[in-house]
């Protein structure tokens, strides 16, 4: 089953475009959410109405869906949305554009924006397929990580496939299912904390911080996209996800977050503690709203439970524990100290001294330090791209 998987189907101008209708129907039947991007040439072979009806989503073909109003189709959002992008059929022309980065239509813009695995199913006549330029382009695409469902003589589940002929939809769907089932994230439970905690002073007021939860939610979505089962323990946040592979547990205080994490910790394979948990809470919480007085107010604070240190003390050999460090001075030394003290596998450091990093921003700039003191620096990126980098590092440990 492909329940919850998000798949972009790109369709180009080949007579095999009719097979895309069967492919989309099978993917939807397997539970996948499908969005279709076509080229102008593809629309001459199969109508957008057919594809929209089968996919249950609008079909994207132009950068503007309404030229009069200027409604914009965001190719970057489409590229980031998908768990996998499959161009089927892929013509010789499209293969050449992909190889050389020629961006002259919406499909190519989505391809160049995609962060997910990209597959192509070539379809063309035999002479075009065997031409040295086509074979060279296919080779280069494979070298750059594109999975090419190459046409070749041989028996597949649906029968004989000749050179240049697009694979049958049933075989493509089986390959996609095998891909997700064989992923290093398959059957992995990932526990992620996100957002701030609010520590009550009275029924109205609290001590908190500026964390938005954006980084934790981006991590949860990326892990789910890769096939993991995710438990997201979230402090107060305006962020939202309805991904079927993500179970959100909403909490308010550090104590509630600690309890929720411990309840889900034992069978978690990967734990990413990205929440900004309060270090202190009021020792006494007023039962009624405190009235303002002319005199100064003193609130006695007591430490909250150090969730990350507690997890580090309980960590099993089959578990990966990742922490975050937000620093304003002596960044590397402080992060390395936290890495050791709390028994982490690696730590993600970001500094408020870096413009565009830290709380509330849509971007972040991180440094990853692992338990062997290997230090990797990253440029300022969107938090979705940062999540991609962090989980790539996790994959190195899982692999």
Foldseek 3Di string as FASTA:
>chain_A
DCALAEEEEEEEQDLQLVLVLVLLLVCVVVRYQYEYEYEPNSCVNPPQVSVCVRNVHGHHWAQAPDVVVRHGDDLLCLQLPHLEYEYPAAELVNLVCQQVVPDDTSVSSNVVNHPHAYEYFYADDPVSCPDPSSVVSVVSCVVVRYHYPAFPFDADPVGTTHGRHGDHSVRVVVVVVVQLCPFLQAPAEEEEEFEKAWFAQEPPHTDIDQAQRLLRVLLQVVSVSSHHQYEYEYEDHPDDDDRPSYHYHYDHAPVVSLVVCVVVPPRHQEYEYEYHHDQKHFPDHHHHDDDDDPDDDDTDIDGDDPSLLVCLVVDDPRHAYEYEDEDAPPQVVVLLVCCVNSNHQKYKYFYPVDPQDDHPHQKHWIWIQGPVRDIDGDDIDGSSVVSVVVVVVVVVVSD
